[in-house]
Protein backbone atom coordinates (compact mmCIF):
# COMPACT_ATOMS: atom_id res chain seq x y z
CA MET A 1 38.74 32.48 -101.93
CA ASP A 2 36.38 34.54 -100.22
CA LYS A 3 33.72 32.63 -98.11
CA ALA A 4 30.76 34.83 -97.18
CA CYS A 5 30.24 34.79 -93.47
CA THR A 6 26.64 35.04 -92.13
CA TRP A 7 25.69 35.43 -88.55
CA SER A 8 22.31 35.16 -86.70
CA PRO A 9 21.46 36.52 -83.53
CA PRO A 10 21.23 33.69 -80.61
CA PRO A 11 17.99 32.46 -79.84
CA PRO A 12 16.02 34.43 -77.12
CA PRO A 13 16.15 32.63 -73.68
CA PRO A 14 13.45 30.40 -72.67
CA PRO A 15 10.44 32.09 -70.31
CA PRO A 16 10.97 31.58 -66.97
CA PRO A 17 9.11 28.97 -65.53
CA THR A 18 5.72 29.69 -64.21
CA PRO A 19 5.45 29.66 -60.37
CA ALA A 20 3.22 26.56 -59.22
CA LYS A 21 -0.05 27.90 -57.75
CA SER A 22 -0.37 27.14 -54.02
CA ALA A 23 -3.00 24.89 -52.90
CA SER A 24 -6.16 26.35 -51.99
CA ALA A 25 -6.54 26.74 -48.07
CA CYS A 26 -10.16 25.60 -48.60
CA SER A 27 -9.15 22.23 -50.53
CA ALA A 28 -8.65 20.39 -47.20
CA THR A 29 -12.25 21.17 -46.01
CA PRO A 30 -11.37 22.82 -42.91
CA CYS A 31 -15.10 23.81 -42.19
CA GLU A 32 -17.17 21.24 -40.30
CA ASN A 33 -20.92 20.71 -40.22
CA GLY A 34 -21.71 21.87 -43.53
CA GLY A 35 -19.93 25.12 -43.33
CA ALA A 36 -18.67 26.98 -46.40
CA CYS A 37 -15.27 27.76 -46.78
CA LYS A 38 -13.72 30.83 -48.46
CA ASP A 39 -10.21 31.69 -49.55
CA VAL A 40 -8.78 34.66 -48.00
CA PRO A 41 -5.46 36.61 -47.96
CA SER A 42 -4.53 36.39 -44.07
CA ALA A 43 -2.26 34.05 -41.94
CA VAL A 44 -4.99 31.55 -41.93
CA GLY A 45 -5.86 31.70 -45.26
CA PHE A 46 -9.67 30.86 -45.12
CA VAL A 47 -12.63 31.89 -43.45
CA CYS A 48 -15.78 29.61 -42.73
CA THR A 49 -19.27 30.70 -42.94
CA CYS A 50 -21.30 28.25 -40.69
CA ALA A 51 -24.65 26.27 -41.16
CA ASP A 52 -27.46 27.05 -39.05
CA GLY A 53 -27.10 25.89 -35.79
CA PHE A 54 -23.14 25.94 -35.55
CA SER A 55 -20.54 28.59 -34.72
CA GLY A 56 -16.88 28.89 -34.18
CA ALA A 57 -13.84 29.22 -36.52
CA LEU A 58 -14.20 25.86 -38.05
CA CYS A 59 -18.21 25.59 -37.30
CA SER A 60 -17.59 22.90 -34.90
CA ASP A 61 -19.43 24.29 -31.65
CA GLU A 62 -23.14 23.32 -31.95
CA GLU A 63 -25.46 25.88 -30.74
CA TRP A 64 -28.37 25.28 -28.55
CA PRO A 65 -31.36 25.61 -30.98
CA ILE A 66 -33.65 27.39 -28.81
CA MET A 67 -31.59 30.37 -27.40
CA GLY A 68 -28.59 29.99 -29.83
CA ILE A 69 -26.24 29.74 -26.93
CA PRO A 70 -22.44 28.16 -28.18
CA GLY A 71 -22.04 25.19 -26.17
CA GLU A 72 -22.23 21.38 -26.43
CA GLY A 73 -25.61 21.40 -28.14
CA PHE A 74 -28.01 19.04 -26.49
CA LEU A 75 -25.42 19.18 -23.16
CA ALA A 76 -25.87 22.87 -22.86
CA GLY A 77 -29.40 22.65 -22.81
CA VAL A 78 -29.46 19.99 -20.04
CA GLY A 79 -27.10 22.16 -17.94
CA LEU A 80 -29.82 25.23 -18.21
CA VAL A 81 -32.46 23.09 -17.35
CA ILE A 82 -30.66 21.53 -14.42
CA SER A 83 -29.94 24.98 -13.05
CA ALA A 84 -33.60 26.11 -13.30
CA ILE A 85 -34.61 23.33 -11.34
CA ALA A 86 -31.91 24.09 -8.82
CA ALA A 87 -33.10 27.40 -8.53
CA ILE A 88 -36.59 26.46 -7.99
CA PHE A 89 -35.62 24.25 -5.23
CA LYS A 90 -33.37 26.86 -3.48
CA ARG A 91 -36.47 29.40 -3.67
CA LYS A 92 -38.90 26.62 -2.13
CA SER A 93 -36.19 25.46 0.45
CA ASP A 94 -35.61 29.42 1.42
CA ALA A 95 -39.22 29.96 1.72
CA ASP A 96 -39.51 26.82 4.12
CA LYS A 97 -36.81 28.11 6.34
CA ASP A 98 -38.51 31.56 6.42
CA GLY A 99 -42.17 29.79 7.14
CA ASP A 100 -43.26 30.79 3.95
CA ALA A 101 -44.05 27.50 2.61
CA VAL A 102 -46.38 27.32 0.07
CA GLU A 103 -49.05 24.72 0.44
CA MET A 104 -50.42 22.82 -2.94
CA ASP A 105 -53.79 21.66 -3.34
CA GLU A 106 -54.08 17.87 -3.29
CA LYS A 107 -55.90 16.29 -6.03
CA VAL A 108 -57.90 13.21 -5.72
């Protein structure tokens, strides 16, 4: 009684699982005030391109629109105006001490 023996190779191993894609750093929308987020290969993982009038790493700093000075927006402008007014009064005060006071014409 001869029995025929058949042999077949074992099936190939299953492919390795595909690594899960890491979430985009921009998926959390880190850029503020309408800034555009771009993923970059770095420690931070993203870069923000700020809309006009804003600056900073996350576009959270409002710029004073007239001079483009980063700061707290309106408050930065108010601070500059107050500084200018203080300088004018200081000059007038110094001129009064020197006896060089500027007289103003009275308007009727």
